[in-house]
């Protein structure tokens, strides 16, 4: 995807930001409060970000957790990064999902992010 067509290169209003990254609510949330943490520089996935950018991204993951705790009172969190089409990435500008989880939002959450391959979720 070219930078000109990238929806993350010209963000709408942000929730919060630092020098290298910003946070927005996901337009297609998995749960109420689902936040995306996105580098300001266009890089296709997390592994293309510099170590400084990666640190800035995770600084905002912590800020997102605090924001969600204050505003949504979740019972847990999933934090995920999809890198590459085979991993489910659909927008090729790096981003981290911070997904608040709530007791009862699914019948059996055991396995968490392992659920990306359903037969491997429970162990």
PDB file of N, CA and C in Angstrom:
ATOM      1  N   UNK A   1       0.854  -1.173   0.000  1.00  0.00           N
ATOM      2  CA  UNK A   1       0.000   0.000   0.000  1.00  0.00           C
ATOM      3  C   UNK A   1       0.896   1.232   0.000  1.00  0.00           C
ATOM      4  N   UNK A   2       0.624   2.146  -0.888  1.00  0.00           N
ATOM      5  CA  UNK A   2       1.440   3.357  -0.935  1.00  0.00           C
ATOM      6  C   UNK A   2       1.109   4.254   0.244  1.00  0.00           C
ATOM      7  N   UNK A   3       2.085   5.068   0.609  1.00  0.00           N
ATOM      8  CA  UNK A   3       1.903   5.994   1.718  1.00  0.00           C
ATOM      9  C   UNK A   3       0.715   6.916   1.464  1.00  0.00           C
ATOM     10  N   UNK A   4       0.499   7.298   0.196  1.00  0.00           N
ATOM     11  CA  UNK A   4      -0.604   8.193  -0.139  1.00  0.00           C
ATOM     12  C   UNK A   4      -1.964   7.574   0.167  1.00  0.00           C
ATOM     13  N   UNK A   5      -2.095   6.258   0.042  1.00  0.00           N
ATOM     14  CA  UNK A   5      -3.363   5.579   0.284  1.00  0.00           C
ATOM     15  C   UNK A   5      -3.476   5.011   1.694  1.00  0.00           C
ATOM     16  N   UNK A   6      -2.421   5.121   2.477  1.00  0.00           N
ATOM     17  CA  UNK A   6      -2.398   4.501   3.796  1.00  0.00           C
ATOM     18  C   UNK A   6      -3.284   5.267   4.785  1.00  0.00           C
ATOM     19  N   UNK A   7      -4.256   4.584   5.394  1.00  0.00           N
ATOM     20  CA  UNK A   7      -5.146   5.268   6.342  1.00  0.00           C
ATOM     21  C   UNK A   7      -4.441   5.687   7.638  1.00  0.00           C
ATOM     22  N   UNK A   8      -3.268   5.134   7.907  1.00  0.00           N
ATOM     23  CA  UNK A   8      -2.568   5.465   9.151  1.00  0.00           C
ATOM     24  C   UNK A   8      -1.536   6.579   8.966  1.00  0.00           C
ATOM     25  N   UNK A   9      -1.289   6.990   7.728  1.00  0.00           N
ATOM     26  CA  UNK A   9      -0.305   8.064   7.504  1.00  0.00           C
ATOM     27  C   UNK A   9      -0.902   9.452   7.723  1.00  0.00           C
ATOM     28  N   UNK A  10      -2.206   9.571   7.675  1.00  0.00           N
ATOM     29  CA  UNK A  10      -2.889  10.834   7.956  1.00  0.00           C
ATOM     30  C   UNK A  10      -3.982  10.547   8.973  1.00  0.00           C
ATOM     31  N   UNK A  11      -3.585  10.396  10.228  1.00  0.00           N
ATOM     32  CA  UNK A  11      -4.556   9.946  11.234  1.00  0.00           C
ATOM     33  C   UNK A  11      -5.634  10.985  11.511  1.00  0.00           C
ATOM     34  N   UNK A  12      -6.797  10.472  11.871  1.00  0.00           N
ATOM     35  CA  UNK A  12      -7.824  11.377  12.384  1.00  0.00           C
ATOM     36  C   UNK A  12      -7.351  11.862  13.764  1.00  0.00           C
ATOM     37  N   UNK A  13      -8.196  12.440  14.506  1.00  0.00           N
ATOM     38  CA  UNK A  13      -7.820  12.898  15.837  1.00  0.00           C
ATOM     39  C   UNK A  13      -7.292  11.729  16.667  1.00  0.00           C
ATOM     40  N   UNK A  14      -6.171  11.968  17.334  1.00  0.00           N
ATOM     41  CA  UNK A  14      -5.550  10.911  18.128  1.00  0.00           C
ATOM     42  C   UNK A  14      -6.001  10.987  19.584  1.00  0.00           C
ATOM     43  N   UNK A  15      -5.896   9.852  20.265  1.00  0.00           N
ATOM     44  CA  UNK A  15      -6.179   9.820  21.703  1.00  0.00           C
ATOM     45  C   UNK A  15      -5.015  10.417  22.480  1.00  0.00           C
ATOM     46  N   UNK A  16      -3.809  10.003  22.109  1.00  0.00           N
ATOM     47  CA  UNK A  16      -2.573  10.504  22.704  1.00  0.00           C
ATOM     48  C   UNK A  16      -1.435  10.128  21.788  1.00  0.00           C
ATOM     49  N   UNK A  17      -0.280  10.735  22.014  1.00  0.00           N
ATOM     50  CA  UNK A  17       0.863  10.489  21.136  1.00  0.00           C
ATOM     51  C   UNK A  17       2.154  10.834  21.858  1.00  0.00           C
ATOM     52  N   UNK A  18       3.250  10.425  21.242  1.00  0.00           N
ATOM     53  CA  UNK A  18       4.577  10.848  21.652  1.00  0.00           C
ATOM     54  C   UNK A  18       5.326  11.217  20.371  1.00  0.00           C
ATOM     55  N   UNK A  19       6.613  11.387  20.443  1.00  0.00           N
ATOM     56  CA  UNK A  19       7.379  11.854  19.284  1.00  0.00           C
ATOM     57  C   UNK A  19       7.302  10.903  18.084  1.00  0.00           C
ATOM     58  N   UNK A  20       7.177   9.600  18.341  1.00  0.00           N
ATOM     59  CA  UNK A  20       7.288   8.614  17.266  1.00  0.00           C
ATOM     60  C   UNK A  20       6.022   7.799  16.998  1.00  0.00           C
ATOM     61  N   UNK A  21       4.999   7.960  17.813  1.00  0.00           N
ATOM     62  CA  UNK A  21       3.823   7.099  17.668  1.00  0.00           C
ATOM     63  C   UNK A  21       2.570   7.829  18.157  1.00  0.00           C
ATOM     64  N   UNK A  22       1.420   7.270  17.784  1.00  0.00           N
ATOM     65  CA  UNK A  22       0.154   7.828  18.248  1.00  0.00           C
ATOM     66  C   UNK A  22      -0.839   6.690  18.492  1.00  0.00           C
ATOM     67  N   UNK A  23      -1.924   7.016  19.192  1.00  0.00           N
ATOM     68  CA  UNK A  23      -2.959   6.045  19.521  1.00  0.00           C
ATOM     69  C   UNK A  23      -4.313   6.544  19.036  1.00  0.00           C
ATOM     70  N   UNK A  24      -5.103   5.620  18.478  1.00  0.00           N
ATOM     71  CA  UNK A  24      -6.474   5.898  18.062  1.00  0.00           C
ATOM     72  C   UNK A  24      -7.342   4.707  18.455  1.00  0.00           C
ATOM     73  N   UNK A  25      -8.648   4.933  18.510  1.00  0.00           N
ATOM     74  CA  UNK A  25      -9.556   3.802  18.652  1.00  0.00           C
ATOM     75  C   UNK A  25      -9.630   3.065  17.321  1.00  0.00           C
ATOM     76  N   UNK A  26      -9.704   1.736  17.375  1.00  0.00           N
ATOM     77  CA  UNK A  26      -9.867   0.921  16.174  1.00  0.00           C
ATOM     78  C   UNK A  26     -11.248   1.180  15.578  1.00  0.00           C
ATOM     79  N   UNK A  27     -11.307   1.387  14.273  1.00  0.00           N
ATOM     80  CA  UNK A  27     -12.593   1.614  13.597  1.00  0.00           C
ATOM     81  C   UNK A  27     -13.468   0.365  13.580  1.00  0.00           C
ATOM     82  N   UNK A  28     -12.864  -0.794  13.735  1.00  0.00           N
ATOM     83  CA  UNK A  28     -13.594  -2.063  13.734  1.00  0.00           C
ATOM     84  C   UNK A  28     -13.233  -2.823  15.015  1.00  0.00           C
ATOM     85  N   UNK A  29     -13.667  -2.312  16.164  1.00  0.00           N
ATOM     86  CA  UNK A  29     -13.192  -2.857  17.439  1.00  0.00           C
ATOM     87  C   UNK A  29     -13.659  -4.281  17.720  1.00  0.00           C
ATOM     88  N   UNK A  30     -12.753  -5.037  18.323  1.00  0.00           N
ATOM     89  CA  UNK A  30     -13.074  -6.375  18.802  1.00  0.00           C
ATOM     90  C   UNK A  30     -13.923  -6.268  20.071  1.00  0.00           C
ATOM     91  N   UNK A  31     -13.616  -5.291  20.900  1.00  0.00           N
ATOM     92  CA  UNK A  31     -14.326  -5.021  22.147  1.00  0.00           C
ATOM     93  C   UNK A  31     -14.364  -3.517  22.360  1.00  0.00           C
ATOM     94  N   UNK A  32     -15.253  -3.058  23.218  1.00  0.00           N
ATOM     95  CA  UNK A  32     -15.325  -1.634  23.543  1.00  0.00           C
ATOM     96  C   UNK A  32     -13.974  -1.147  24.052  1.00  0.00           C
ATOM     97  N   UNK A  33     -13.467  -0.073  23.434  1.00  0.00           N
ATOM     98  CA  UNK A  33     -12.205   0.518  23.845  1.00  0.00           C
ATOM     99  C   UNK A  33     -10.990   0.060  23.062  1.00  0.00           C
ATOM    100  N   UNK A  34     -11.127  -0.849  22.142  1.00  0.00           N
ATOM    101  CA  UNK A  34     -10.015  -1.395  21.343  1.00  0.00           C
ATOM    102  C   UNK A  34      -9.196  -0.233  20.753  1.00  0.00           C
ATOM    103  N   UNK A  35      -7.907  -0.198  21.078  1.00  0.00           N
ATOM    104  CA  UNK A  35      -7.013   0.887  20.664  1.00  0.00           C
ATOM    105  C   UNK A  35      -5.914   0.351  19.756  1.00  0.00           C
ATOM    106  N   UNK A  36      -5.524   1.172  18.773  1.00  0.00           N
ATOM    107  CA  UNK A  36      -4.372   0.884  17.926  1.00  0.00           C
ATOM    108  C   UNK A  36      -3.253   1.854  18.272  1.00  0.00           C
ATOM    109  N   UNK A  37      -2.036   1.332  18.375  1.00  0.00           N
ATOM    110  CA  UNK A  37      -0.838   2.128  18.595  1.00  0.00           C
ATOM    111  C   UNK A  37      -0.049   2.062  17.291  1.00  0.00           C
ATOM    112  N   UNK A  38       0.266   3.228  16.711  1.00  0.00           N
ATOM    113  CA  UNK A  38       0.772   3.289  15.341  1.00  0.00           C
ATOM    114  C   UNK A  38       2.001   4.179  15.259  1.00  0.00           C
ATOM    115  N   UNK A  39       3.065   3.720  14.600  1.00  0.00           N
ATOM    116  CA  UNK A  39       4.212   4.611  14.412  1.00  0.00           C
ATOM    117  C   UNK A  39       3.864   5.737  13.439  1.00  0.00           C
ATOM    118  N   UNK A  40       4.419   6.913  13.686  1.00  0.00           N
ATOM    119  CA  UNK A  40       4.170   8.047  12.797  1.00  0.00           C
ATOM    120  C   UNK A  40       4.852   7.854  11.448  1.00  0.00           C
ATOM    121  N   UNK A  41       6.013   7.240  11.464  1.00  0.00           N
ATOM    122  CA  UNK A  41       6.714   6.967  10.208  1.00  0.00           C
ATOM    123  C   UNK A  41       6.088   5.740   9.558  1.00  0.00           C
ATOM    124  N   UNK A  42       5.908   5.787   8.244  1.00  0.00           N
ATOM    125  CA  UNK A  42       5.312   4.662   7.536  1.00  0.00           C
ATOM    126  C   UNK A  42       6.337   3.522   7.440  1.00  0.00           C
ATOM    127  N   UNK A  43       6.074   2.463   8.175  1.00  0.00           N
ATOM    128  CA  UNK A  43       6.833   1.210   8.067  1.00  0.00           C
ATOM    129  C   UNK A  43       5.793   0.103   7.942  1.00  0.00           C
ATOM    130  N   UNK A  44       6.091  -0.908   7.148  1.00  0.00           N
ATOM    131  CA  UNK A  44       5.061  -1.899   6.854  1.00  0.00           C
ATOM    132  C   UNK A  44       4.749  -2.818   8.033  1.00  0.00           C
ATOM    133  N   UNK A  45       5.732  -3.114   8.867  1.00  0.00           N
ATOM    134  CA  UNK A  45       5.428  -3.925  10.048  1.00  0.00           C
ATOM    135  C   UNK A  45       6.378  -3.578  11.196  1.00  0.00           C
ATOM    136  N   UNK A  46       6.076  -4.124  12.345  1.00  0.00           N
ATOM    137  CA  UNK A  46       6.811  -3.824  13.573  1.00  0.00           C
ATOM    138  C   UNK A  46       8.319  -4.015  13.406  1.00  0.00           C
ATOM    139  N   UNK A  47       8.729  -5.026  12.672  1.00  0.00           N
ATOM    140  CA  UNK A  47      10.151  -5.336  12.552  1.00  0.00           C
ATOM    141  C   UNK A  47      10.916  -4.325  11.707  1.00  0.00           C
ATOM    142  N   UNK A  48      10.220  -3.485  10.956  1.00  0.00           N
ATOM    143  CA  UNK A  48      10.864  -2.419  10.203  1.00  0.00           C
ATOM    144  C   UNK A  48      11.044  -1.141  11.028  1.00  0.00           C
ATOM    145  N   UNK A  49      10.395  -1.058  12.151  1.00  0.00           N
ATOM    146  CA  UNK A  49      10.535   0.109  13.029  1.00  0.00           C
ATOM    147  C   UNK A  49      11.903   0.079  13.702  1.00  0.00           C
ATOM    148  N   UNK A  50      12.446   1.260  13.955  1.00  0.00           N
ATOM    149  CA  UNK A  50      13.718   1.340  14.674  1.00  0.00           C
ATOM    150  C   UNK A  50      13.493   0.958  16.132  1.00  0.00           C
ATOM    151  N   UNK A  51      14.564   0.700  16.847  1.00  0.00           N
ATOM    152  CA  UNK A  51      14.421   0.376  18.271  1.00  0.00           C
ATOM    153  C   UNK A  51      13.826   1.553  19.035  1.00  0.00           C
ATOM    154  N   UNK A  52      14.135   2.777  18.618  1.00  0.00           N
ATOM    155  CA  UNK A  52      13.549   3.962  19.254  1.00  0.00           C
ATOM    156  C   UNK A  52      12.044   3.999  19.010  1.00  0.00           C
ATOM    157  N   UNK A  53      11.626   3.702  17.777  1.00  0.00           N
ATOM    158  CA  UNK A  53      10.189   3.671  17.461  1.00  0.00           C
ATOM    159  C   UNK A  53       9.489   2.548  18.211  1.00  0.00           C
ATOM    160  N   UNK A  54      10.131   1.389  18.304  1.00  0.00           N
ATOM    161  CA  UNK A  54       9.528   0.273  19.033  1.00  0.00           C
ATOM    162  C   UNK A  54       9.322   0.632  20.499  1.00  0.00           C
ATOM    163  N   UNK A  55      10.311   1.300  21.099  1.00  0.00           N
ATOM    164  CA  UNK A  55      10.167   1.730  22.497  1.00  0.00           C
ATOM    165  C   UNK A  55       9.027   2.735  22.627  1.00  0.00           C
ATOM    166  N   UNK A  56       8.915   3.648  21.670  1.00  0.00           N
ATOM    167  CA  UNK A  56       7.840   4.646  21.698  1.00  0.00           C
ATOM    168  C   UNK A  56       6.471   3.974  21.562  1.00  0.00           C
ATOM    169  N   UNK A  57       6.390   2.952  20.717  1.00  0.00           N
ATOM    170  CA  UNK A  57       5.136   2.217  20.569  1.00  0.00           C
ATOM    171  C   UNK A  57       4.723   1.589  21.894  1.00  0.00           C
ATOM    172  N   UNK A  58       5.658   0.938  22.563  1.00  0.00           N
ATOM    173  CA  UNK A  58       5.304   0.268  23.816  1.00  0.00           C
ATOM    174  C   UNK A  58       5.102   1.241  24.969  1.00  0.00           C
ATOM    175  N   UNK A  59       5.677   2.438  24.876  1.00  0.00           N
ATOM    176  CA  UNK A  59       5.342   3.483  25.840  1.00  0.00           C
ATOM    177  C   UNK A  59       3.848   3.802  25.741  1.00  0.00           C
ATOM    178  N   UNK A  60       3.342   3.854  24.512  1.00  0.00           N
ATOM    179  CA  UNK A  60       1.918   4.129  24.323  1.00  0.00           C
ATOM    180  C   UNK A  60       1.033   2.924  24.629  1.00  0.00           C
ATOM    181  N   UNK A  61       1.559   1.716  24.529  1.00  0.00           N
ATOM    182  CA  UNK A  61       0.793   0.549  24.982  1.00  0.00           C
ATOM    183  C   UNK A  61       0.475   0.715  26.467  1.00  0.00           C
ATOM    184  N   UNK A  62       1.456   1.166  27.238  1.00  0.00           N
ATOM    185  CA  UNK A  62       1.229   1.397  28.673  1.00  0.00           C
ATOM    186  C   UNK A  62       0.232   2.532  28.897  1.00  0.00           C
ATOM    187  N   UNK A  63       0.336   3.585  28.084  1.00  0.00           N
ATOM    188  CA  UNK A  63      -0.621   4.692  28.189  1.00  0.00           C
ATOM    189  C   UNK A  63      -2.031   4.220  27.832  1.00  0.00           C
ATOM    190  N   UNK A  64      -2.131   3.346  26.824  1.00  0.00           N
ATOM    191  CA  UNK A  64      -3.433   2.802  26.434  1.00  0.00           C
ATOM    192  C   UNK A  64      -4.035   1.980  27.566  1.00  0.00           C
ATOM    193  N   UNK A  65      -3.215   1.186  28.211  1.00  0.00           N
ATOM    194  CA  UNK A  65      -3.701   0.386  29.354  1.00  0.00           C
ATOM    195  C   UNK A  65      -4.267   1.295  30.432  1.00  0.00           C
ATOM    196  N   UNK A  66      -3.548   2.359  30.770  1.00  0.00           N
ATOM    197  CA  UNK A  66      -4.022   3.290  31.801  1.00  0.00           C
ATOM    198  C   UNK A  66      -5.335   3.948  31.363  1.00  0.00           C
ATOM    199  N   UNK A  67      -5.391   4.370  30.096  1.00  0.00           N
ATOM    200  CA  UNK A  67      -6.601   4.996  29.558  1.00  0.00           C
ATOM    201  C   UNK A  67      -7.786   4.028  29.630  1.00  0.00           C
ATOM    202  N   UNK A  68      -7.563   2.793  29.228  1.00  0.00           N
ATOM    203  CA  UNK A  68      -8.633   1.801  29.246  1.00  0.00           C
ATOM    204  C   UNK A  68      -9.065   1.471  30.670  1.00  0.00           C
ATOM    205  N   UNK A  69      -8.114   1.330  31.576  1.00  0.00           N
ATOM    206  CA  UNK A  69      -8.475   1.075  32.974  1.00  0.00           C
ATOM    207  C   UNK A  69      -9.330   2.206  33.530  1.00  0.00           C
ATOM    208  N   UNK A  70      -8.970   3.449  33.219  1.00  0.00           N
ATOM    209  CA  UNK A  70      -9.707   4.607  33.725  1.00  0.00           C
ATOM    210  C   UNK A  70     -11.080   4.775  33.090  1.00  0.00           C
ATOM    211  N   UNK A  71     -11.213   4.390  31.815  1.00  0.00           N
ATOM    212  CA  UNK A  71     -12.437   4.686  31.075  1.00  0.00           C
ATOM    213  C   UNK A  71     -13.335   3.494  30.764  1.00  0.00           C
ATOM    214  N   UNK A  72     -12.796   2.273  30.830  1.00  0.00           N
ATOM    215  CA  UNK A  72     -13.572   1.094  30.448  1.00  0.00           C
ATOM    216  C   UNK A  72     -13.585  -0.014  31.499  1.00  0.00           C
ATOM    217  N   UNK A  73     -12.672   0.019  32.448  1.00  0.00           N
ATOM    218  CA  UNK A  73     -12.591  -0.984  33.522  1.00  0.00           C
ATOM    219  C   UNK A  73     -12.581  -2.426  33.014  1.00  0.00           C
ATOM    220  N   UNK A  74     -11.664  -2.756  32.102  1.00  0.00           N
ATOM    221  CA  UNK A  74     -11.611  -4.133  31.613  1.00  0.00           C
ATOM    222  C   UNK A  74     -11.073  -5.085  32.687  1.00  0.00           C
ATOM    223  N   UNK A  75     -11.287  -6.365  32.439  1.00  0.00           N
ATOM    224  CA  UNK A  75     -10.793  -7.401  33.348  1.00  0.00           C
ATOM    225  C   UNK A  75      -9.459  -7.975  32.902  1.00  0.00           C
ATOM    226  N   UNK A  76      -9.036  -7.662  31.680  1.00  0.00           N
ATOM    227  CA  UNK A  76      -7.772  -8.147  31.136  1.00  0.00           C
ATOM    228  C   UNK A  76      -7.492  -7.474  29.811  1.00  0.00           C
ATOM    229  N   UNK A  77      -6.401  -7.888  29.163  1.00  0.00           N
ATOM    230  CA  UNK A  77      -5.986  -7.295  27.890  1.00  0.00           C
ATOM    231  C   UNK A  77      -5.379  -8.353  26.983  1.00  0.00           C
ATOM    232  N   UNK A  78      -5.577  -8.180  25.688  1.00  0.00           N
ATOM    233  CA  UNK A  78      -4.767  -8.864  24.678  1.00  0.00           C
ATOM    234  C   UNK A  78      -4.008  -7.767  23.952  1.00  0.00           C
ATOM    235  N   UNK A  79      -2.730  -8.015  23.713  1.00  0.00           N
ATOM    236  CA  UNK A  79      -1.887  -7.099  22.956  1.00  0.00           C
ATOM    237  C   UNK A  79      -1.363  -7.900  21.776  1.00  0.00           C
ATOM    238  N   UNK A  80      -1.582  -7.391  20.563  1.00  0.00           N
ATOM    239  CA  UNK A  80      -1.195  -8.171  19.399  1.00  0.00           C
ATOM    240  C   UNK A  80      -0.652  -7.333  18.267  1.00  0.00           C
ATOM    241  N   UNK A  81       0.249  -7.955  17.513  1.00  0.00           N
ATOM    242  CA  UNK A  81       0.831  -7.334  16.333  1.00  0.00           C
ATOM    243  C   UNK A  81       0.780  -8.365  15.207  1.00  0.00           C
ATOM    244  N   UNK A  82       0.144  -8.014  14.104  1.00  0.00           N
ATOM    245  CA  UNK A  82       0.110  -8.879  12.927  1.00  0.00           C
ATOM    246  C   UNK A  82       1.194  -8.402  11.971  1.00  0.00           C
ATOM    247  N   UNK A  83       2.128  -9.264  11.628  1.00  0.00           N
ATOM    248  CA  UNK A  83       3.224  -8.918  10.726  1.00  0.00           C
ATOM    249  C   UNK A  83       3.152  -9.810   9.500  1.00  0.00           C
ATOM    250  N   UNK A  84       2.673  -9.260   8.399  1.00  0.00           N
ATOM    251  CA  UNK A  84       2.585  -9.998   7.152  1.00  0.00           C
ATOM    252  C   UNK A  84       1.201 -10.554   6.891  1.00  0.00           C
ATOM    253  N   UNK A  85       0.918 -10.765   5.622  1.00  0.00           N
ATOM    254  CA  UNK A  85      -0.390 -11.253   5.196  1.00  0.00           C
ATOM    255  C   UNK A  85      -0.727 -12.604   5.831  1.00  0.00           C
ATOM    256  N   UNK A  86       0.256 -13.501   5.930  1.00  0.00           N
ATOM    257  CA  UNK A  86       0.003 -14.822   6.515  1.00  0.00           C
ATOM    258  C   UNK A  86      -0.394 -14.736   7.984  1.00  0.00           C
ATOM    259  N   UNK A  87      -0.016 -13.641   8.641  1.00  0.00           N
ATOM    260  CA  UNK A  87      -0.369 -13.433  10.047  1.00  0.00           C
ATOM    261  C   UNK A  87      -1.664 -12.637  10.202  1.00  0.00           C
ATOM    262  N   UNK A  88      -2.299 -12.309   9.090  1.00  0.00           N
ATOM    263  CA  UNK A  88      -3.571 -11.612   9.140  1.00  0.00           C
ATOM    264  C   UNK A  88      -3.482 -10.102   8.996  1.00  0.00           C
ATOM    265  N   UNK A  89      -2.297  -9.565   8.711  1.00  0.00           N
ATOM    266  CA  UNK A  89      -2.167  -8.121   8.555  1.00  0.00           C
ATOM    267  C   UNK A  89      -2.890  -7.674   7.286  1.00  0.00           C
ATOM    268  N   UNK A  90      -3.736  -6.653   7.414  1.00  0.00           N
ATOM    269  CA  UNK A  90      -4.489  -6.151   6.262  1.00  0.00           C
ATOM    270  C   UNK A  90      -4.129  -4.711   5.911  1.00  0.00           C
ATOM    271  N   UNK A  91      -3.613  -3.952   6.859  1.00  0.00           N
ATOM    272  CA  UNK A  91      -3.115  -2.600   6.592  1.00  0.00           C
ATOM    273  C   UNK A  91      -1.616  -2.659   6.812  1.00  0.00           C
ATOM    274  N   UNK A  92      -0.864  -2.379   5.772  1.00  0.00           N
ATOM    275  CA  UNK A  92       0.579  -2.568   5.832  1.00  0.00           C
ATOM    276  C   UNK A  92       1.304  -1.294   6.260  1.00  0.00           C
ATOM    277  N   UNK A  93       0.842  -0.800   7.390  1.00  0.00           N
ATOM    278  CA  UNK A  93       1.510   0.235   8.174  1.00  0.00           C
ATOM    279  C   UNK A  93       1.475  -0.370   9.575  1.00  0.00           C
ATOM    280  N   UNK A  94       2.624  -0.554  10.177  1.00  0.00           N
ATOM    281  CA  UNK A  94       2.710  -1.243  11.463  1.00  0.00           C
ATOM    282  C   UNK A  94       1.700  -0.682  12.466  1.00  0.00           C
ATOM    283  N   UNK A  95       1.166  -1.556  13.297  1.00  0.00           N
ATOM    284  CA  UNK A  95       0.281  -1.123  14.381  1.00  0.00           C
ATOM    285  C   UNK A  95       0.149  -2.240  15.410  1.00  0.00           C
ATOM    286  N   UNK A  96      -0.079  -1.820  16.633  1.00  0.00           N
ATOM    287  CA  UNK A  96      -0.251  -2.749  17.757  1.00  0.00           C
ATOM    288  C   UNK A  96      -1.693  -2.636  18.245  1.00  0.00           C
ATOM    289  N   UNK A  97      -2.349  -3.757  18.400  1.00  0.00           N
ATOM    290  CA  UNK A  97      -3.704  -3.796  18.944  1.00  0.00           C
ATOM    291  C   UNK A  97      -3.625  -3.918  20.469  1.00  0.00           C
ATOM    292  N   UNK A  98      -4.328  -3.066  21.163  1.00  0.00           N
ATOM    293  CA  UNK A  98      -4.512  -3.190  22.608  1.00  0.00           C
ATOM    294  C   UNK A  98      -6.011  -3.415  22.793  1.00  0.00           C
ATOM    295  N   UNK A  99      -6.345  -4.657  23.097  1.00  0.00           N
ATOM    296  CA  UNK A  99      -7.753  -5.066  23.146  1.00  0.00           C
ATOM    297  C   UNK A  99      -8.144  -5.333  24.591  1.00  0.00           C
ATOM    298  N   UNK A 100      -9.053  -4.500  25.125  1.00  0.00           N
ATOM    299  CA  UNK A 100      -9.530  -4.772  26.474  1.00  0.00           C
ATOM    300  C   UNK A 100     -10.410  -6.014  26.469  1.00  0.00           C
ATOM    301  N   UNK A 101     -10.296  -6.803  27.509  1.00  0.00           N
ATOM    302  CA  UNK A 101     -11.096  -8.020  27.630  1.00  0.00           C
ATOM    303  C   UNK A 101     -11.965  -7.930  28.872  1.00  0.00           C
ATOM    304  N   UNK A 102     -13.130  -8.500  28.774  1.00  0.00           N
ATOM    305  CA  UNK A 102     -14.119  -8.440  29.841  1.00  0.00           C
ATOM    306  C   UNK A 102     -14.573  -9.843  30.196  1.00  0.00           C
ATOM    307  N   UNK A 103     -14.709 -10.106  31.482  1.00  0.00           N
ATOM    308  CA  UNK A 103     -15.224 -11.405  31.900  1.00  0.00           C
ATOM    309  C   UNK A 103     -16.529 -11.665  31.168  1.00  0.00           C
ATOM    310  N   UNK A 104     -16.631 -12.837  30.524  1.00  0.00           N
ATOM    311  CA  UNK A 104     -17.841 -13.221  29.814  1.00  0.00           C
ATOM    312  C   UNK A 104     -17.909 -12.752  28.368  1.00  0.00           C
ATOM    313  N   UNK A 105     -16.869 -12.057  27.853  1.00  0.00           N
ATOM    314  CA  UNK A 105     -16.946 -11.607  26.456  1.00  0.00           C
ATOM    315  C   UNK A 105     -16.817 -12.763  25.476  1.00  0.00           C
ATOM    316  N   UNK A 106     -16.359 -13.891  25.942  1.00  0.00           N
ATOM    317  CA  UNK A 106     -16.433 -15.143  25.179  1.00  0.00           C
ATOM    318  C   UNK A 106     -16.510 -16.288  26.180  1.00  0.00           C
ATOM    319  N   UNK A 107     -17.055 -17.389  25.751  1.00  0.00           N
ATOM    320  CA  UNK A 107     -17.319 -18.494  26.667  1.00  0.00           C
ATOM    321  C   UNK A 107     -16.056 -19.010  27.345  1.00  0.00           C
ATOM    322  N   UNK A 108     -14.992 -19.243  26.573  1.00  0.00           N
ATOM    323  CA  UNK A 108     -13.768 -19.784  27.143  1.00  0.00           C
ATOM    324  C   UNK A 108     -12.563 -19.066  26.529  1.00  0.00           C
ATOM    325  N   UNK A 109     -12.011 -18.073  27.229  1.00  0.00           N
ATOM    326  CA  UNK A 109     -10.890 -17.321  26.670  1.00  0.00           C
ATOM    327  C   UNK A 109      -9.541 -18.025  26.777  1.00  0.00           C
ATOM    328  N   UNK A 110      -9.507 -19.215  27.357  1.00  0.00           N
ATOM    329  CA  UNK A 110      -8.237 -19.924  27.550  1.00  0.00           C
ATOM    330  C   UNK A 110      -7.442 -19.986  26.253  1.00  0.00           C
ATOM    331  N   UNK A 111      -6.171 -19.686  26.337  1.00  0.00           N
ATOM    332  CA  UNK A 111      -5.297 -19.707  25.179  1.00  0.00           C
ATOM    333  C   UNK A 111      -5.066 -18.324  24.588  1.00  0.00           C
ATOM    334  N   UNK A 112      -5.950 -17.369  24.876  1.00  0.00           N
ATOM    335  CA  UNK A 112      -5.759 -15.987  24.443  1.00  0.00           C
ATOM    336  C   UNK A 112      -5.348 -15.860  22.987  1.00  0.00           C
ATOM    337  N   UNK A 113      -4.202 -15.244  22.755  1.00  0.00           N
ATOM    338  CA  UNK A 113      -3.753 -14.985  21.380  1.00  0.00           C
ATOM    339  C   UNK A 113      -3.445 -16.265  20.623  1.00  0.00           C
ATOM    340  N   UNK A 114      -3.297 -17.368  21.320  1.00  0.00           N
ATOM    341  CA  UNK A 114      -3.107 -18.647  20.630  1.00  0.00           C
ATOM    342  C   UNK A 114      -4.325 -18.985  19.779  1.00  0.00           C
ATOM    343  N   UNK A 115      -5.441 -18.311  20.030  1.00  0.00           N
ATOM    344  CA  UNK A 115      -6.684 -18.552  19.288  1.00  0.00           C
ATOM    345  C   UNK A 115      -6.611 -18.166  17.827  1.00  0.00           C
ATOM    346  N   UNK A 116      -5.506 -17.557  17.400  1.00  0.00           N
ATOM    347  CA  UNK A 116      -5.379 -17.231  15.965  1.00  0.00           C
ATOM    348  C   UNK A 116      -5.369 -18.510  15.137  1.00  0.00           C
ATOM    349  N   UNK A 117      -4.986 -19.621  15.754  1.00  0.00           N
ATOM    350  CA  UNK A 117      -5.126 -20.944  15.127  1.00  0.00           C
ATOM    351  C   UNK A 117      -6.014 -21.731  16.074  1.00  0.00           C
ATOM    352  N   UNK A 118      -7.327 -21.765  15.792  1.00  0.00           N
ATOM    353  CA  UNK A 118      -8.296 -22.291  16.759  1.00  0.00           C
ATOM    354  C   UNK A 118      -7.964 -23.658  17.342  1.00  0.00           C
ATOM    355  N   UNK A 119      -7.450 -24.580  16.540  1.00  0.00           N
ATOM    356  CA  UNK A 119      -7.156 -25.920  17.052  1.00  0.00           C
ATOM    357  C   UNK A 119      -5.990 -25.922  18.036  1.00  0.00           C
ATOM    358  N   UNK A 120      -5.229 -24.836  18.106  1.00  0.00           N
ATOM    359  CA  UNK A 120      -4.072 -24.745  19.010  1.00  0.00           C
ATOM    360  C   UNK A 120      -4.391 -23.927  20.259  1.00  0.00           C
ATOM    361  N   UNK A 121      -5.601 -23.349  20.333  1.00  0.00           N
ATOM    362  CA  UNK A 121      -5.926 -22.443  21.426  1.00  0.00           C
ATOM    363  C   UNK A 121      -5.889 -23.138  22.785  1.00  0.00           C
ATOM    364  N   UNK A 122      -6.556 -24.222  22.926  1.00  0.00           N
ATOM    365  CA  UNK A 122      -6.598 -24.925  24.208  1.00  0.00           C
ATOM    366  C   UNK A 122      -5.468 -25.935  24.282  1.00  0.00           C
ATOM    367  N   UNK A 123      -4.832 -25.976  25.411  1.00  0.00           N
ATOM    368  CA  UNK A 123      -3.719 -26.910  25.603  1.00  0.00           C
ATOM    369  C   UNK A 123      -3.733 -27.441  27.009  1.00  0.00           C
TER     370      UNK A 123
END
